[in-house]
């Protein structure tokens, strides 16, 4: 019987998913007492599916309520904004690849390397998002530099 690399990779990916889900659950549990102390009450635990560089993950997380605020501490911990389906790291990787090849080629490369199915529109969104982040960062840096020189 020969070593089956595809089976090995599938098992490794499954272990990665289980590890991720355990970390999410542990963080959610850790934050729960702090949220209660701060006057929040748990509403529900909806599921969310997000694409990361290590695969597509579906996880549930607690939603808390205090007045009109309804934060998701796990989402904040993971750096995810409302309705965001792609991690910041994956978006950064997509933008980096897009600087070297066509958007359709990026889709094929991501499918082959990360085993994720994305569209060219996702790549465009990633490029625009990273571009905005760099633009905002450079504007802030120049303002800070200007303020520092003025003092």
C-alpha atoms as a PDB file:
ATOM      1  CA  UNK A   1       0.000   0.000   0.000  1.00  0.00           C
ATOM      2  CA  UNK A   2       1.382   3.373  -1.051  1.00  0.00           C
ATOM      3  CA  UNK A   3       1.304   6.643   0.836  1.00  0.00           C
ATOM      4  CA  UNK A   4      -1.678   8.719  -0.312  1.00  0.00           C
ATOM      5  CA  UNK A   5      -0.666  12.367  -0.195  1.00  0.00           C
ATOM      6  CA  UNK A   6      -4.188  13.639  -0.922  1.00  0.00           C
ATOM      7  CA  UNK A   7      -5.616  11.691   2.020  1.00  0.00           C
ATOM      8  CA  UNK A   8      -2.814  12.987   4.233  1.00  0.00           C
ATOM      9  CA  UNK A   9      -3.512  16.601   3.222  1.00  0.00           C
ATOM     10  CA  UNK A  10      -7.265  16.139   3.781  1.00  0.00           C
ATOM     11  CA  UNK A  11      -6.612  14.752   7.282  1.00  0.00           C
ATOM     12  CA  UNK A  12      -4.196  17.591   8.055  1.00  0.00           C
ATOM     13  CA  UNK A  13      -6.787  20.137   6.907  1.00  0.00           C
ATOM     14  CA  UNK A  14      -9.408  18.503   9.125  1.00  0.00           C
ATOM     15  CA  UNK A  15      -7.043  18.735  12.115  1.00  0.00           C
ATOM     16  CA  UNK A  16      -6.428  22.401  11.292  1.00  0.00           C
ATOM     17  CA  UNK A  17     -10.183  23.024  11.232  1.00  0.00           C
ATOM     18  CA  UNK A  18     -10.680  21.283  14.590  1.00  0.00           C
ATOM     19  CA  UNK A  19      -7.834  23.292  16.136  1.00  0.00           C
ATOM     20  CA  UNK A  20      -9.325  26.530  14.809  1.00  0.00           C
ATOM     21  CA  UNK A  21     -12.795  25.671  16.130  1.00  0.00           C
ATOM     22  CA  UNK A  22     -11.331  24.830  19.561  1.00  0.00           C
ATOM     23  CA  UNK A  23      -9.505  28.173  19.675  1.00  0.00           C
ATOM     24  CA  UNK A  24     -12.663  30.062  18.705  1.00  0.00           C
ATOM     25  CA  UNK A  25     -14.703  28.232  21.367  1.00  0.00           C
ATOM     26  CA  UNK A  26     -12.015  28.825  24.012  1.00  0.00           C
ATOM     27  CA  UNK A  27     -11.848  32.542  23.226  1.00  0.00           C
ATOM     28  CA  UNK A  28     -15.644  32.834  23.251  1.00  0.00           C
ATOM     29  CA  UNK A  29     -15.753  31.142  26.661  1.00  0.00           C
ATOM     30  CA  UNK A  30     -12.909  33.318  27.993  1.00  0.00           C
ATOM     31  CA  UNK A  31     -14.649  36.544  26.941  1.00  0.00           C
ATOM     32  CA  UNK A  32     -18.077  35.503  28.296  1.00  0.00           C
ATOM     33  CA  UNK A  33     -17.346  36.334  31.944  1.00  0.00           C
ATOM     34  CA  UNK A  34     -15.902  39.728  30.998  1.00  0.00           C
ATOM     35  CA  UNK A  35     -18.972  40.520  28.895  1.00  0.00           C
ATOM     36  CA  UNK A  36     -21.316  39.606  31.795  1.00  0.00           C
ATOM     37  CA  UNK A  37     -19.300  41.800  34.185  1.00  0.00           C
ATOM     38  CA  UNK A  38     -19.590  44.713  31.732  1.00  0.00           C
ATOM     39  CA  UNK A  39     -23.388  44.395  31.686  1.00  0.00           C
ATOM     40  CA  UNK A  40     -23.874  42.517  28.417  1.00  0.00           C
ATOM     41  CA  UNK A  41     -26.273  39.619  28.015  1.00  0.00           C
ATOM     42  CA  UNK A  42     -25.865  36.773  25.550  1.00  0.00           C
ATOM     43  CA  UNK A  43     -28.502  36.764  22.808  1.00  0.00           C
ATOM     44  CA  UNK A  44     -27.620  33.841  20.551  1.00  0.00           C
ATOM     45  CA  UNK A  45     -24.747  32.103  18.780  1.00  0.00           C
ATOM     46  CA  UNK A  46     -25.181  32.398  14.999  1.00  0.00           C
ATOM     47  CA  UNK A  47     -22.931  30.618  12.527  1.00  0.00           C
ATOM     48  CA  UNK A  48     -20.619  32.380  10.128  1.00  0.00           C
ATOM     49  CA  UNK A  49     -18.568  31.077   7.196  1.00  0.00           C
ATOM     50  CA  UNK A  50     -15.291  32.800   6.393  1.00  0.00           C
ATOM     51  CA  UNK A  51     -12.481  32.037   3.954  1.00  0.00           C
ATOM     52  CA  UNK A  52      -9.034  32.003   5.584  1.00  0.00           C
ATOM     53  CA  UNK A  53      -5.632  31.128   4.111  1.00  0.00           C
ATOM     54  CA  UNK A  54      -6.009  27.745   5.828  1.00  0.00           C
ATOM     55  CA  UNK A  55      -9.436  27.010   4.360  1.00  0.00           C
ATOM     56  CA  UNK A  56     -13.134  27.761   4.515  1.00  0.00           C
ATOM     57  CA  UNK A  57     -14.301  27.709   8.133  1.00  0.00           C
ATOM     58  CA  UNK A  58     -17.826  27.680   9.497  1.00  0.00           C
ATOM     59  CA  UNK A  59     -18.043  28.504  13.173  1.00  0.00           C
ATOM     60  CA  UNK A  60     -20.566  29.785  15.680  1.00  0.00           C
ATOM     61  CA  UNK A  61     -19.897  32.638  18.032  1.00  0.00           C
ATOM     62  CA  UNK A  62     -21.800  34.395  20.791  1.00  0.00           C
ATOM     63  CA  UNK A  63     -23.613  37.636  20.160  1.00  0.00           C
ATOM     64  CA  UNK A  64     -23.982  39.967  23.118  1.00  0.00           C
ATOM     65  CA  UNK A  65     -26.367  42.849  23.786  1.00  0.00           C
ATOM     66  CA  UNK A  66     -26.199  45.979  25.939  1.00  0.00           C
ATOM     67  CA  UNK A  67     -28.646  48.663  24.905  1.00  0.00           C
ATOM     68  CA  UNK A  68     -28.276  49.088  21.149  1.00  0.00           C
ATOM     69  CA  UNK A  69     -24.780  47.564  21.029  1.00  0.00           C
ATOM     70  CA  UNK A  70     -24.570  43.977  19.789  1.00  0.00           C
ATOM     71  CA  UNK A  71     -20.898  43.015  19.538  1.00  0.00           C
ATOM     72  CA  UNK A  72     -19.420  39.721  18.391  1.00  0.00           C
ATOM     73  CA  UNK A  73     -16.144  39.451  20.373  1.00  0.00           C
ATOM     74  CA  UNK A  74     -14.904  36.512  18.266  1.00  0.00           C
ATOM     75  CA  UNK A  75     -15.359  38.505  15.054  1.00  0.00           C
ATOM     76  CA  UNK A  76     -13.385  41.392  16.553  1.00  0.00           C
ATOM     77  CA  UNK A  77     -10.671  38.960  17.708  1.00  0.00           C
ATOM     78  CA  UNK A  78     -10.427  37.512  14.186  1.00  0.00           C
ATOM     79  CA  UNK A  79     -10.348  40.993  12.623  1.00  0.00           C
ATOM     80  CA  UNK A  80     -13.627  40.469  10.764  1.00  0.00           C
ATOM     81  CA  UNK A  81     -16.020  43.279  10.004  1.00  0.00           C
ATOM     82  CA  UNK A  82     -19.757  42.901   9.456  1.00  0.00           C
ATOM     83  CA  UNK A  83     -20.612  40.764   6.388  1.00  0.00           C
ATOM     84  CA  UNK A  84     -16.914  40.111   5.662  1.00  0.00           C
ATOM     85  CA  UNK A  85     -16.458  36.645   4.149  1.00  0.00           C
ATOM     86  CA  UNK A  86     -12.686  36.749   3.685  1.00  0.00           C
ATOM     87  CA  UNK A  87      -9.971  37.175   6.305  1.00  0.00           C
ATOM     88  CA  UNK A  88      -7.675  40.184   6.049  1.00  0.00           C
ATOM     89  CA  UNK A  89      -4.668  37.906   5.534  1.00  0.00           C
ATOM     90  CA  UNK A  90      -6.367  36.130   2.614  1.00  0.00           C
ATOM     91  CA  UNK A  91      -7.338  39.481   1.067  1.00  0.00           C
ATOM     92  CA  UNK A  92      -3.743  40.646   1.408  1.00  0.00           C
ATOM     93  CA  UNK A  93      -2.488  37.445  -0.273  1.00  0.00           C
ATOM     94  CA  UNK A  94      -5.006  37.894  -3.112  1.00  0.00           C
ATOM     95  CA  UNK A  95      -3.900  41.489  -3.672  1.00  0.00           C
ATOM     96  CA  UNK A  96      -0.257  40.427  -3.653  1.00  0.00           C
ATOM     97  CA  UNK A  97      -0.918  37.709  -6.241  1.00  0.00           C
ATOM     98  CA  UNK A  98      -2.985  40.139  -8.333  1.00  0.00           C
ATOM     99  CA  UNK A  99       0.060  42.381  -8.680  1.00  0.00           C
ATOM    100  CA  UNK A 100       1.843  39.521 -10.459  1.00  0.00           C
ATOM    101  CA  UNK A 101      -0.878  37.885 -12.570  1.00  0.00           C
ATOM    102  CA  UNK A 102      -4.364  38.361 -13.968  1.00  0.00           C
ATOM    103  CA  UNK A 103      -7.347  38.171 -11.636  1.00  0.00           C
ATOM    104  CA  UNK A 104      -8.550  34.961 -13.286  1.00  0.00           C
ATOM    105  CA  UNK A 105      -5.097  33.444 -12.857  1.00  0.00           C
ATOM    106  CA  UNK A 106      -5.188  34.419  -9.178  1.00  0.00           C
ATOM    107  CA  UNK A 107      -8.465  32.478  -8.868  1.00  0.00           C
ATOM    108  CA  UNK A 108      -6.856  29.397 -10.390  1.00  0.00           C
ATOM    109  CA  UNK A 109      -3.755  29.710  -8.197  1.00  0.00           C
ATOM    110  CA  UNK A 110      -5.834  30.093  -5.031  1.00  0.00           C
ATOM    111  CA  UNK A 111      -7.943  27.092  -6.008  1.00  0.00           C
ATOM    112  CA  UNK A 112      -4.802  24.997  -6.520  1.00  0.00           C
ATOM    113  CA  UNK A 113      -2.860  26.160  -3.447  1.00  0.00           C
ATOM    114  CA  UNK A 114      -5.484  27.058  -0.826  1.00  0.00           C
ATOM    115  CA  UNK A 115      -8.284  24.803  -2.181  1.00  0.00           C
ATOM    116  CA  UNK A 116     -10.662  27.769  -2.101  1.00  0.00           C
ATOM    117  CA  UNK A 117     -13.077  28.727  -4.837  1.00  0.00           C
ATOM    118  CA  UNK A 118     -13.095  32.507  -5.353  1.00  0.00           C
ATOM    119  CA  UNK A 119     -14.135  34.805  -8.187  1.00  0.00           C
ATOM    120  CA  UNK A 120     -12.275  37.538 -10.030  1.00  0.00           C
ATOM    121  CA  UNK A 121     -14.645  39.998  -8.335  1.00  0.00           C
ATOM    122  CA  UNK A 122     -13.288  38.846  -4.973  1.00  0.00           C
ATOM    123  CA  UNK A 123      -9.761  39.517  -6.202  1.00  0.00           C
ATOM    124  CA  UNK A 124     -10.806  43.002  -7.346  1.00  0.00           C
ATOM    125  CA  UNK A 125     -12.392  43.647  -3.941  1.00  0.00           C
ATOM    126  CA  UNK A 126      -9.168  42.527  -2.241  1.00  0.00           C
ATOM    127  CA  UNK A 127      -7.047  44.815  -4.406  1.00  0.00           C
ATOM    128  CA  UNK A 128      -9.300  47.809  -3.688  1.00  0.00           C
ATOM    129  CA  UNK A 129      -9.397  47.074   0.032  1.00  0.00           C
ATOM    130  CA  UNK A 130      -5.615  46.772   0.343  1.00  0.00           C
ATOM    131  CA  UNK A 131      -5.198  49.888  -1.799  1.00  0.00           C
ATOM    132  CA  UNK A 132      -7.513  51.824   0.551  1.00  0.00           C
ATOM    133  CA  UNK A 133      -5.668  50.537   3.611  1.00  0.00           C
ATOM    134  CA  UNK A 134      -2.325  51.675   2.203  1.00  0.00           C
ATOM    135  CA  UNK A 135      -3.792  55.008   1.105  1.00  0.00           C
ATOM    136  CA  UNK A 136      -5.286  55.654   4.544  1.00  0.00           C
ATOM    137  CA  UNK A 137      -2.078  54.557   6.236  1.00  0.00           C
ATOM    138  CA  UNK A 138       0.067  56.867   4.100  1.00  0.00           C
ATOM    139  CA  UNK A 139      -2.317  59.803   4.687  1.00  0.00           C
ATOM    140  CA  UNK A 140      -2.226  59.189   8.441  1.00  0.00           C
ATOM    141  CA  UNK A 141       1.567  58.817   8.379  1.00  0.00           C
ATOM    142  CA  UNK A 142       1.990  62.095   6.487  1.00  0.00           C
ATOM    143  CA  UNK A 143      -0.376  63.893   8.901  1.00  0.00           C
ATOM    144  CA  UNK A 144       1.533  62.534  11.877  1.00  0.00           C
ATOM    145  CA  UNK A 145       4.812  63.574  10.293  1.00  0.00           C
ATOM    146  CA  UNK A 146       3.417  67.052   9.569  1.00  0.00           C
ATOM    147  CA  UNK A 147       2.130  67.422  13.150  1.00  0.00           C
ATOM    148  CA  UNK A 148       5.434  66.198  14.555  1.00  0.00           C
ATOM    149  CA  UNK A 149       7.403  68.715  12.470  1.00  0.00           C
ATOM    150  CA  UNK A 150       5.085  71.530  13.543  1.00  0.00           C
ATOM    151  CA  UNK A 151       5.709  70.893  17.270  1.00  0.00           C
END
